[in-house]
Amino acid sequence: MTMADVRIEFSEDAARELLKSPEVQADLAQRAAAIAGAAGIGTFDVTPSMTPTRARVSVGTADHAARHAEATTRSLTSALDAGRG
């Protein structure tokens, strides 16, 4: 068998279950917490949610200091790299 003979079958149901799994939820929560921690001045909220197809998480400003820091120095936007890796 050569590489040209390999066939990969993709299961949408299995992929959907993976995207909603507790492991993916935990990974997203960890990444969001790292972003919120790296954003600096102010308080940042981490909000997990679930859609019919996947787990999600968002990080947002929670007080005036955080909103001001994002508006003037893009502190939250600049912290996105903390969630990679």
N, C-alpha and C. Protein backbone atom coordinates (compact mmCIF):
# COMPACT_ATOMS: atom_id res chain seq x y z
N MET A 1 0.85 -1.19 0.00
CA MET A 1 0.00 0.00 0.00
C MET A 1 0.89 1.24 0.00
N THR A 2 0.61 2.14 -0.90
CA THR A 2 1.35 3.40 -0.97
C THR A 2 0.53 4.51 -0.33
N MET A 3 1.14 5.66 -0.15
CA MET A 3 0.43 6.80 0.44
C MET A 3 -0.79 7.19 -0.39
N ALA A 4 -0.73 6.99 -1.69
CA ALA A 4 -1.86 7.34 -2.55
C ALA A 4 -3.05 6.43 -2.29
N ASP A 5 -2.83 5.27 -1.68
CA ASP A 5 -3.91 4.33 -1.43
C ASP A 5 -4.59 4.54 -0.07
N VAL A 6 -4.10 5.44 0.73
CA VAL A 6 -4.66 5.67 2.07
C VAL A 6 -5.94 6.49 1.94
N ARG A 7 -6.96 6.03 2.63
CA ARG A 7 -8.24 6.74 2.63
C ARG A 7 -8.60 7.10 4.07
N ILE A 8 -8.92 8.34 4.28
CA ILE A 8 -9.30 8.81 5.61
C ILE A 8 -10.78 9.17 5.57
N GLU A 9 -11.54 8.59 6.50
CA GLU A 9 -12.96 8.91 6.59
C GLU A 9 -13.18 9.81 7.80
N PHE A 10 -13.92 10.87 7.60
CA PHE A 10 -14.18 11.87 8.62
C PHE A 10 -15.59 11.68 9.15
N SER A 11 -15.72 11.57 10.44
CA SER A 11 -17.03 11.43 11.07
C SER A 11 -17.44 12.76 11.68
N GLU A 12 -18.45 13.40 11.10
CA GLU A 12 -18.90 14.69 11.62
C GLU A 12 -19.44 14.56 13.04
N ASP A 13 -20.13 13.50 13.34
CA ASP A 13 -20.67 13.29 14.69
C ASP A 13 -19.54 13.16 15.72
N ALA A 14 -18.49 12.43 15.37
CA ALA A 14 -17.36 12.26 16.29
C ALA A 14 -16.63 13.58 16.48
N ALA A 15 -16.46 14.34 15.41
CA ALA A 15 -15.80 15.65 15.51
C ALA A 15 -16.62 16.59 16.38
N ARG A 16 -17.94 16.59 16.22
CA ARG A 16 -18.81 17.45 17.02
C ARG A 16 -18.72 17.09 18.50
N GLU A 17 -18.70 15.80 18.79
CA GLU A 17 -18.57 15.36 20.19
C GLU A 17 -17.22 15.77 20.77
N LEU A 18 -16.16 15.67 19.96
CA LEU A 18 -14.84 16.09 20.41
C LEU A 18 -14.84 17.58 20.73
N LEU A 19 -15.45 18.39 19.88
CA LEU A 19 -15.47 19.84 20.09
C LEU A 19 -16.29 20.26 21.30
N LYS A 20 -17.13 19.36 21.82
CA LYS A 20 -17.93 19.65 23.01
C LYS A 20 -17.42 18.91 24.24
N SER A 21 -16.34 18.19 24.12
CA SER A 21 -15.85 17.33 25.20
C SER A 21 -15.34 18.13 26.40
N PRO A 22 -15.36 17.50 27.58
CA PRO A 22 -14.82 18.18 28.78
C PRO A 22 -13.35 18.56 28.62
N GLU A 23 -12.60 17.78 27.88
CA GLU A 23 -11.18 18.09 27.67
C GLU A 23 -11.01 19.38 26.87
N VAL A 24 -11.82 19.55 25.84
CA VAL A 24 -11.75 20.78 25.04
C VAL A 24 -12.23 21.95 25.88
N GLN A 25 -13.29 21.78 26.66
CA GLN A 25 -13.77 22.84 27.53
C GLN A 25 -12.69 23.27 28.52
N ALA A 26 -11.99 22.31 29.10
CA ALA A 26 -10.92 22.63 30.06
C ALA A 26 -9.78 23.36 29.38
N ASP A 27 -9.42 22.94 28.17
CA ASP A 27 -8.34 23.60 27.44
C ASP A 27 -8.72 25.04 27.11
N LEU A 28 -9.94 25.24 26.65
CA LEU A 28 -10.39 26.60 26.34
C LEU A 28 -10.39 27.49 27.59
N ALA A 29 -10.85 26.94 28.71
CA ALA A 29 -10.87 27.70 29.96
C ALA A 29 -9.46 28.10 30.38
N GLN A 30 -8.51 27.17 30.22
CA GLN A 30 -7.12 27.46 30.58
C GLN A 30 -6.55 28.57 29.68
N ARG A 31 -6.82 28.49 28.40
CA ARG A 31 -6.33 29.50 27.47
C ARG A 31 -6.94 30.87 27.76
N ALA A 32 -8.24 30.89 28.04
CA ALA A 32 -8.91 32.15 28.34
C ALA A 32 -8.37 32.76 29.63
N ALA A 33 -8.13 31.93 30.64
CA ALA A 33 -7.56 32.44 31.89
C ALA A 33 -6.17 33.02 31.67
N ALA A 34 -5.39 32.40 30.80
CA ALA A 34 -4.06 32.93 30.49
C ALA A 34 -4.16 34.29 29.79
N ILE A 35 -5.11 34.42 28.89
CA ILE A 35 -5.31 35.69 28.20
C ILE A 35 -5.74 36.76 29.20
N ALA A 36 -6.72 36.43 30.04
CA ALA A 36 -7.20 37.39 31.04
C ALA A 36 -6.08 37.80 31.99
N GLY A 37 -5.24 36.85 32.37
CA GLY A 37 -4.13 37.15 33.27
C GLY A 37 -3.06 38.02 32.63
N ALA A 38 -2.87 37.85 31.33
CA ALA A 38 -1.84 38.61 30.63
C ALA A 38 -2.33 40.00 30.22
N ALA A 39 -3.63 40.24 30.30
CA ALA A 39 -4.17 41.51 29.82
C ALA A 39 -3.80 42.70 30.70
N GLY A 40 -3.44 42.43 31.96
CA GLY A 40 -2.93 43.50 32.80
C GLY A 40 -3.98 44.23 33.60
N ILE A 41 -3.99 45.55 33.48
CA ILE A 41 -4.80 46.43 34.32
C ILE A 41 -6.29 46.15 34.17
N GLY A 42 -6.98 46.07 35.30
CA GLY A 42 -8.43 45.90 35.28
C GLY A 42 -8.84 44.46 35.52
N THR A 43 -10.15 44.26 35.48
CA THR A 43 -10.71 42.93 35.67
C THR A 43 -11.28 42.44 34.36
N PHE A 44 -11.00 41.19 34.04
CA PHE A 44 -11.47 40.59 32.80
C PHE A 44 -12.28 39.35 33.13
N ASP A 45 -13.45 39.24 32.52
CA ASP A 45 -14.34 38.10 32.74
C ASP A 45 -14.06 37.01 31.72
N VAL A 46 -14.03 35.77 32.18
CA VAL A 46 -13.95 34.60 31.32
C VAL A 46 -15.32 33.95 31.34
N THR A 47 -15.95 33.84 30.17
CA THR A 47 -17.31 33.31 30.09
C THR A 47 -17.35 32.11 29.17
N PRO A 48 -17.52 30.89 29.74
CA PRO A 48 -17.67 29.71 28.89
C PRO A 48 -19.10 29.60 28.38
N SER A 49 -19.27 28.99 27.22
CA SER A 49 -20.61 28.73 26.69
C SER A 49 -20.55 27.50 25.79
N MET A 50 -21.71 26.97 25.49
CA MET A 50 -21.81 25.79 24.65
C MET A 50 -22.82 26.07 23.54
N THR A 51 -22.43 25.80 22.31
CA THR A 51 -23.36 25.89 21.19
C THR A 51 -23.75 24.46 20.82
N PRO A 52 -24.67 24.27 19.92
CA PRO A 52 -25.01 22.90 19.53
C PRO A 52 -23.84 22.12 18.91
N THR A 53 -22.85 22.83 18.40
CA THR A 53 -21.75 22.14 17.71
C THR A 53 -20.41 22.20 18.40
N ARG A 54 -20.23 23.09 19.38
CA ARG A 54 -18.90 23.22 19.99
C ARG A 54 -18.93 23.99 21.31
N ALA A 55 -17.86 23.81 22.07
CA ALA A 55 -17.65 24.60 23.29
C ALA A 55 -17.01 25.92 22.88
N ARG A 56 -17.31 26.97 23.63
CA ARG A 56 -16.73 28.28 23.36
C ARG A 56 -16.36 28.94 24.66
N VAL A 57 -15.52 29.95 24.58
CA VAL A 57 -15.17 30.76 25.74
C VAL A 57 -14.85 32.17 25.24
N SER A 58 -15.21 33.16 26.03
CA SER A 58 -14.87 34.53 25.66
C SER A 58 -14.23 35.23 26.85
N VAL A 59 -13.41 36.21 26.54
CA VAL A 59 -12.78 37.03 27.57
C VAL A 59 -13.19 38.46 27.29
N GLY A 60 -13.73 39.13 28.29
CA GLY A 60 -14.17 40.50 28.10
C GLY A 60 -13.80 41.38 29.27
N THR A 61 -13.88 42.67 29.05
CA THR A 61 -13.59 43.63 30.11
C THR A 61 -14.73 43.63 31.12
N ALA A 62 -14.40 43.78 32.41
CA ALA A 62 -15.41 43.71 33.45
C ALA A 62 -15.50 44.98 34.30
N ASP A 63 -14.60 45.92 34.08
CA ASP A 63 -14.67 47.16 34.84
C ASP A 63 -14.11 48.31 34.01
N HIS A 64 -14.24 49.50 34.56
CA HIS A 64 -13.80 50.70 33.84
C HIS A 64 -12.31 50.66 33.52
N ALA A 65 -11.50 50.21 34.46
CA ALA A 65 -10.05 50.19 34.24
C ALA A 65 -9.69 49.27 33.07
N ALA A 66 -10.35 48.14 32.98
CA ALA A 66 -10.07 47.20 31.89
C ALA A 66 -10.54 47.77 30.56
N ARG A 67 -11.73 48.39 30.55
CA ARG A 67 -12.23 49.00 29.31
C ARG A 67 -11.31 50.13 28.86
N HIS A 68 -10.83 50.93 29.81
CA HIS A 68 -9.92 52.03 29.47
C HIS A 68 -8.60 51.49 28.92
N ALA A 69 -8.08 50.44 29.57
CA ALA A 69 -6.81 49.85 29.11
C ALA A 69 -6.96 49.27 27.69
N GLU A 70 -8.09 48.64 27.42
CA GLU A 70 -8.30 48.09 26.08
C GLU A 70 -8.46 49.21 25.06
N ALA A 71 -9.17 50.26 25.43
CA ALA A 71 -9.41 51.37 24.51
C ALA A 71 -8.14 52.15 24.19
N THR A 72 -7.25 52.29 25.16
CA THR A 72 -6.07 53.13 24.95
C THR A 72 -4.83 52.35 24.55
N THR A 73 -4.66 51.14 25.09
CA THR A 73 -3.44 50.39 24.79
C THR A 73 -3.68 49.02 24.18
N ARG A 74 -4.95 48.70 23.94
CA ARG A 74 -5.32 47.39 23.37
C ARG A 74 -4.77 46.25 24.22
N SER A 75 -4.89 46.38 25.53
CA SER A 75 -4.30 45.41 26.46
C SER A 75 -4.86 44.00 26.28
N LEU A 76 -6.16 43.87 26.12
CA LEU A 76 -6.76 42.55 25.95
C LEU A 76 -6.40 41.97 24.59
N THR A 77 -6.51 42.78 23.57
CA THR A 77 -6.14 42.33 22.22
C THR A 77 -4.68 41.89 22.18
N SER A 78 -3.81 42.64 22.83
CA SER A 78 -2.38 42.30 22.85
C SER A 78 -2.08 41.04 23.63
N ALA A 79 -2.99 40.64 24.51
CA ALA A 79 -2.77 39.46 25.35
C ALA A 79 -3.18 38.16 24.66
N LEU A 80 -3.72 38.22 23.46
CA LEU A 80 -4.20 37.01 22.78
C LEU A 80 -3.13 35.94 22.62
N ASP A 81 -1.89 36.34 22.41
CA ASP A 81 -0.81 35.35 22.25
C ASP A 81 -0.63 34.49 23.49
N ALA A 82 -1.04 34.97 24.66
CA ALA A 82 -0.92 34.19 25.88
C ALA A 82 -1.80 32.93 25.83
N GLY A 83 -2.82 32.94 24.98
CA GLY A 83 -3.70 31.79 24.86
C GLY A 83 -3.26 30.77 23.83
N ARG A 84 -2.19 31.04 23.15
CA ARG A 84 -1.68 30.10 22.13
C ARG A 84 -0.65 29.19 22.79
N GLY A 85 -0.62 27.99 22.31
CA GLY A 85 0.45 27.13 22.77
C GLY A 85 0.13 26.11 23.75
